[in-house]
Amino acid sequence: MNQDSDTPQPAQPRISRGARSTFAFWAAYACAWLALGLWLGINVIIGHRNGGSAIAAWEPLTWELSSVVVIGILAVFVYHFERRFPLSGADWPQRLPVHAVAALAFSTAHVVAMVGLRKIIYVAHGQTYDFGDPRLGFAACAAPAPRARVGDGPA
């Protein structure tokens, strides 16, 4: 009973040890993927700034985190797929076609989800995201012009 009143208080629900360890695992899993995305994003920011091109920090963080988050989710499916169709044992070559199809599905899901997330985030920033020409499969990027260094000039 509560000392402030004579009304009995309801018992607090207890979380089982198994539920706590499951939550801890998935929290650590998510934090590890997010840490990787942040690390990659920060490295892109540093690379752009060292190369002399100004870039808003949210852009490389969006690029890297969107990719890493999608891969982190898809990795769960890869784990279960590999347990069902392992590339081990005497008959592993028979499972290669299934893995080839799964690799295409993984790649397609990764690109579609990643680009979708990026488009949403860019819209939230009042901009548009251009993934490049889908017929070429590459983003149309122009390399930044090299910076002049002290001592460079006509020879």
C-alpha atoms as a PDB file:
ATOM      1  CA  MET A   1       0.000   0.000   0.000  1.00  0.00           C
ATOM      2  CA  ASN A   2       0.986   3.513  -0.626  1.00  0.00           C
ATOM      3  CA  GLN A   3       1.778   5.485   2.526  1.00  0.00           C
ATOM      4  CA  ASP A   4      -0.078   8.550   1.153  1.00  0.00           C
ATOM      5  CA  SER A   5      -3.342   6.689   0.882  1.00  0.00           C
ATOM      6  CA  ASP A   6      -4.956   3.509   1.999  1.00  0.00           C
ATOM      7  CA  THR A   7      -5.742   2.492  -1.591  1.00  0.00           C
ATOM      8  CA  PRO A   8      -3.741  -0.543  -2.716  1.00  0.00           C
ATOM      9  CA  GLN A   9      -1.582   0.084  -5.770  1.00  0.00           C
ATOM     10  CA  PRO A  10      -1.677  -2.328  -8.701  1.00  0.00           C
ATOM     11  CA  ALA A  11       1.356  -4.542  -9.091  1.00  0.00           C
ATOM     12  CA  GLN A  12       3.796  -3.454 -11.768  1.00  0.00           C
ATOM     13  CA  PRO A  13       4.047  -5.948 -14.617  1.00  0.00           C
ATOM     14  CA  ARG A  14       7.342  -7.807 -14.661  1.00  0.00           C
ATOM     15  CA  ILE A  15       9.289  -8.231 -17.855  1.00  0.00           C
ATOM     16  CA  SER A  16      10.736 -11.697 -18.211  1.00  0.00           C
ATOM     17  CA  ARG A  17      14.461 -12.238 -18.477  1.00  0.00           C
ATOM     18  CA  GLY A  18      13.986 -13.671 -21.966  1.00  0.00           C
ATOM     19  CA  ALA A  19      12.087 -10.587 -23.137  1.00  0.00           C
ATOM     20  CA  ARG A  20      14.794  -8.328 -21.678  1.00  0.00           C
ATOM     21  CA  SER A  21      17.573 -10.244 -23.414  1.00  0.00           C
ATOM     22  CA  THR A  22      15.660 -10.228 -26.704  1.00  0.00           C
ATOM     23  CA  PHE A  23      15.135  -6.482 -26.415  1.00  0.00           C
ATOM     24  CA  ALA A  24      18.804  -5.986 -25.494  1.00  0.00           C
ATOM     25  CA  PHE A  25      19.908  -8.009 -28.521  1.00  0.00           C
ATOM     26  CA  TRP A  26      17.759  -6.021 -30.977  1.00  0.00           C
ATOM     27  CA  ALA A  27      18.705  -2.713 -29.368  1.00  0.00           C
ATOM     28  CA  ALA A  28      22.407  -3.571 -29.690  1.00  0.00           C
ATOM     29  CA  TYR A  29      21.828  -4.792 -33.261  1.00  0.00           C
ATOM     30  CA  ALA A  30      20.147  -1.507 -34.225  1.00  0.00           C
ATOM     31  CA  CYS A  31      22.808   0.578 -32.454  1.00  0.00           C
ATOM     32  CA  ALA A  32      25.610  -1.284 -34.244  1.00  0.00           C
ATOM     33  CA  TRP A  33      24.067  -0.634 -37.675  1.00  0.00           C
ATOM     34  CA  LEU A  34      23.365   3.007 -36.814  1.00  0.00           C
ATOM     35  CA  ALA A  35      26.926   3.464 -35.558  1.00  0.00           C
ATOM     36  CA  LEU A  36      28.229   2.035 -38.837  1.00  0.00           C
ATOM     37  CA  GLY A  37      26.009   4.406 -40.827  1.00  0.00           C
ATOM     38  CA  LEU A  38      27.158   7.390 -38.790  1.00  0.00           C
ATOM     39  CA  TRP A  39      30.790   6.371 -39.205  1.00  0.00           C
ATOM     40  CA  LEU A  40      30.406   6.055 -42.978  1.00  0.00           C
ATOM     41  CA  GLY A  41      28.471   9.328 -43.212  1.00  0.00           C
ATOM     42  CA  ILE A  42      31.057  11.232 -41.208  1.00  0.00           C
ATOM     43  CA  ASN A  43      33.809   9.853 -43.435  1.00  0.00           C
ATOM     44  CA  VAL A  44      31.972  11.080 -46.545  1.00  0.00           C
ATOM     45  CA  ILE A  45      31.562  14.515 -44.959  1.00  0.00           C
ATOM     46  CA  ILE A  46      35.279  14.636 -44.145  1.00  0.00           C
ATOM     47  CA  GLY A  47      36.171  13.482 -47.653  1.00  0.00           C
ATOM     48  CA  HIS A  48      34.038  16.179 -49.275  1.00  0.00           C
ATOM     49  CA  ARG A  49      35.386  18.894 -47.031  1.00  0.00           C
ATOM     50  CA  ASN A  50      38.994  17.775 -47.519  1.00  0.00           C
ATOM     51  CA  GLY A  51      38.346  17.774 -51.255  1.00  0.00           C
ATOM     52  CA  GLY A  52      37.205  21.367 -51.097  1.00  0.00           C
ATOM     53  CA  SER A  53      33.539  20.806 -51.857  1.00  0.00           C
ATOM     54  CA  ALA A  54      31.086  22.188 -49.350  1.00  0.00           C
ATOM     55  CA  ILE A  55      28.249  19.828 -48.565  1.00  0.00           C
ATOM     56  CA  ALA A  56      25.474  19.914 -46.004  1.00  0.00           C
ATOM     57  CA  ALA A  57      26.154  17.229 -43.390  1.00  0.00           C
ATOM     58  CA  TRP A  58      22.614  15.850 -43.600  1.00  0.00           C
ATOM     59  CA  GLU A  59      23.151  14.697 -47.194  1.00  0.00           C
ATOM     60  CA  PRO A  60      25.979  12.172 -46.689  1.00  0.00           C
ATOM     61  CA  LEU A  61      24.395  11.089 -43.424  1.00  0.00           C
ATOM     62  CA  THR A  62      21.168  10.454 -45.340  1.00  0.00           C
ATOM     63  CA  TRP A  63      23.005   8.499 -48.042  1.00  0.00           C
ATOM     64  CA  GLU A  64      24.889   6.278 -45.653  1.00  0.00           C
ATOM     65  CA  LEU A  65      22.239   5.808 -42.972  1.00  0.00           C
ATOM     66  CA  SER A  66      19.519   4.984 -45.512  1.00  0.00           C
ATOM     67  CA  SER A  67      21.716   2.287 -47.001  1.00  0.00           C
ATOM     68  CA  VAL A  68      22.842   0.875 -43.664  1.00  0.00           C
ATOM     69  CA  VAL A  69      19.350   0.838 -42.147  1.00  0.00           C
ATOM     70  CA  VAL A  70      17.963  -1.063 -45.129  1.00  0.00           C
ATOM     71  CA  ILE A  71      20.862  -3.539 -45.091  1.00  0.00           C
ATOM     72  CA  GLY A  72      20.409  -4.025 -41.345  1.00  0.00           C
ATOM     73  CA  ILE A  73      16.772  -4.976 -41.907  1.00  0.00           C
ATOM     74  CA  LEU A  74      17.540  -7.158 -44.916  1.00  0.00           C
ATOM     75  CA  ALA A  75      20.338  -8.935 -43.006  1.00  0.00           C
ATOM     76  CA  VAL A  76      17.689 -10.529 -40.792  1.00  0.00           C
ATOM     77  CA  PHE A  77      16.093 -12.052 -43.891  1.00  0.00           C
ATOM     78  CA  VAL A  78      19.503 -13.124 -45.215  1.00  0.00           C
ATOM     79  CA  TYR A  79      20.170 -14.930 -41.930  1.00  0.00           C
ATOM     80  CA  HIS A  80      16.913 -16.884 -42.133  1.00  0.00           C
ATOM     81  CA  PHE A  81      17.374 -17.537 -45.861  1.00  0.00           C
ATOM     82  CA  GLU A  82      20.873 -18.918 -45.324  1.00  0.00           C
ATOM     83  CA  ARG A  83      19.624 -21.211 -42.565  1.00  0.00           C
ATOM     84  CA  ARG A  84      16.958 -22.546 -44.946  1.00  0.00           C
ATOM     85  CA  PHE A  85      19.221 -22.759 -48.038  1.00  0.00           C
ATOM     86  CA  PRO A  86      22.809 -23.096 -46.763  1.00  0.00           C
ATOM     87  CA  LEU A  87      25.744 -22.959 -49.134  1.00  0.00           C
ATOM     88  CA  SER A  88      27.314 -25.912 -47.405  1.00  0.00           C
ATOM     89  CA  GLY A  89      26.927 -29.664 -47.477  1.00  0.00           C
ATOM     90  CA  ALA A  90      27.283 -32.056 -50.390  1.00  0.00           C
ATOM     91  CA  ASP A  91      24.400 -30.603 -52.405  1.00  0.00           C
ATOM     92  CA  TRP A  92      25.322 -26.905 -52.101  1.00  0.00           C
ATOM     93  CA  PRO A  93      25.716 -26.448 -55.888  1.00  0.00           C
ATOM     94  CA  GLN A  94      22.025 -27.273 -56.290  1.00  0.00           C
ATOM     95  CA  ARG A  95      21.171 -24.256 -54.138  1.00  0.00           C
ATOM     96  CA  LEU A  96      23.227 -21.782 -56.183  1.00  0.00           C
ATOM     97  CA  PRO A  97      20.318 -20.813 -58.485  1.00  0.00           C
ATOM     98  CA  VAL A  98      18.167 -19.995 -55.443  1.00  0.00           C
ATOM     99  CA  HIS A  99      20.983 -17.853 -54.067  1.00  0.00           C
ATOM    100  CA  ALA A 100      21.380 -16.070 -57.396  1.00  0.00           C
ATOM    101  CA  VAL A 101      17.685 -15.153 -57.422  1.00  0.00           C
ATOM    102  CA  ALA A 102      17.883 -14.132 -53.751  1.00  0.00           C
ATOM    103  CA  ALA A 103      20.902 -11.908 -54.477  1.00  0.00           C
ATOM    104  CA  LEU A 104      18.934 -10.103 -57.176  1.00  0.00           C
ATOM    105  CA  ALA A 105      15.959  -9.746 -54.828  1.00  0.00           C
ATOM    106  CA  PHE A 106      18.233  -8.423 -52.062  1.00  0.00           C
ATOM    107  CA  SER A 107      19.848  -5.886 -54.388  1.00  0.00           C
ATOM    108  CA  THR A 108      16.504  -4.725 -55.756  1.00  0.00           C
ATOM    109  CA  ALA A 109      14.961  -4.395 -52.289  1.00  0.00           C
ATOM    110  CA  HIS A 110      18.021  -2.528 -51.017  1.00  0.00           C
ATOM    111  CA  VAL A 111      18.057   0.006 -53.853  1.00  0.00           C
ATOM    112  CA  VAL A 112      14.291   0.575 -53.906  1.00  0.00           C
ATOM    113  CA  ALA A 113      14.019   1.040 -50.120  1.00  0.00           C
ATOM    114  CA  MET A 114      17.205   3.116 -49.875  1.00  0.00           C
ATOM    115  CA  VAL A 115      16.218   5.472 -52.686  1.00  0.00           C
ATOM    116  CA  GLY A 116      12.684   5.713 -51.285  1.00  0.00           C
ATOM    117  CA  LEU A 117      14.012   6.757 -47.877  1.00  0.00           C
ATOM    118  CA  ARG A 118      16.341   9.285 -49.466  1.00  0.00           C
ATOM    119  CA  LYS A 119      13.546  10.808 -51.535  1.00  0.00           C
ATOM    120  CA  ILE A 120      11.393  11.196 -48.407  1.00  0.00           C
ATOM    121  CA  ILE A 121      14.231  12.825 -46.459  1.00  0.00           C
ATOM    122  CA  TYR A 122      15.133  15.157 -49.330  1.00  0.00           C
ATOM    123  CA  VAL A 123      11.484  16.245 -49.636  1.00  0.00           C
ATOM    124  CA  ALA A 124      11.494  16.967 -45.895  1.00  0.00           C
ATOM    125  CA  HIS A 125      14.482  19.262 -46.554  1.00  0.00           C
ATOM    126  CA  GLY A 126      12.681  20.955 -49.444  1.00  0.00           C
ATOM    127  CA  GLN A 127      14.901  19.365 -52.093  1.00  0.00           C
ATOM    128  CA  THR A 128      14.704  16.550 -54.617  1.00  0.00           C
ATOM    129  CA  TYR A 129      16.883  13.460 -54.683  1.00  0.00           C
ATOM    130  CA  ASP A 130      18.307  12.361 -58.024  1.00  0.00           C
ATOM    131  CA  PHE A 131      19.613   8.802 -58.086  1.00  0.00           C
ATOM    132  CA  GLY A 132      20.942   9.276 -61.583  1.00  0.00           C
ATOM    133  CA  ASP A 133      19.975   7.796 -64.920  1.00  0.00           C
ATOM    134  CA  PRO A 134      18.381   4.404 -64.200  1.00  0.00           C
ATOM    135  CA  ARG A 135      19.294   3.194 -67.699  1.00  0.00           C
ATOM    136  CA  LEU A 136      22.955   3.621 -66.916  1.00  0.00           C
ATOM    137  CA  GLY A 137      22.770   2.587 -63.306  1.00  0.00           C
ATOM    138  CA  PHE A 138      25.190   5.284 -62.242  1.00  0.00           C
ATOM    139  CA  ALA A 139      24.648   8.704 -60.759  1.00  0.00           C
ATOM    140  CA  ALA A 140      25.719  11.490 -63.064  1.00  0.00           C
ATOM    141  CA  CYS A 141      28.443  13.121 -61.022  1.00  0.00           C
ATOM    142  CA  ALA A 142      31.072  15.536 -62.180  1.00  0.00           C
ATOM    143  CA  ALA A 143      34.391  15.284 -60.423  1.00  0.00           C
ATOM    144  CA  PRO A 144      35.284  18.483 -58.576  1.00  0.00           C
ATOM    145  CA  ALA A 145      38.050  20.525 -60.153  1.00  0.00           C
ATOM    146  CA  PRO A 146      41.405  20.060 -58.430  1.00  0.00           C
ATOM    147  CA  ARG A 147      42.413  22.856 -56.100  1.00  0.00           C
ATOM    148  CA  ALA A 148      45.440  24.927 -56.902  1.00  0.00           C
ATOM    149  CA  ARG A 149      48.320  24.394 -54.492  1.00  0.00           C
ATOM    150  CA  VAL A 150      50.966  26.864 -53.424  1.00  0.00           C
ATOM    151  CA  GLY A 151      53.755  26.746 -55.928  1.00  0.00           C
ATOM    152  CA  ASP A 152      51.536  25.474 -58.760  1.00  0.00           C
ATOM    153  CA  GLY A 153      51.629  27.637 -61.777  1.00  0.00           C
ATOM    154  CA  PRO A 154      53.167  27.864 -65.215  1.00  0.00           C
ATOM    155  CA  ALA A 155      56.375  25.887 -65.396  1.00  0.00           C
END
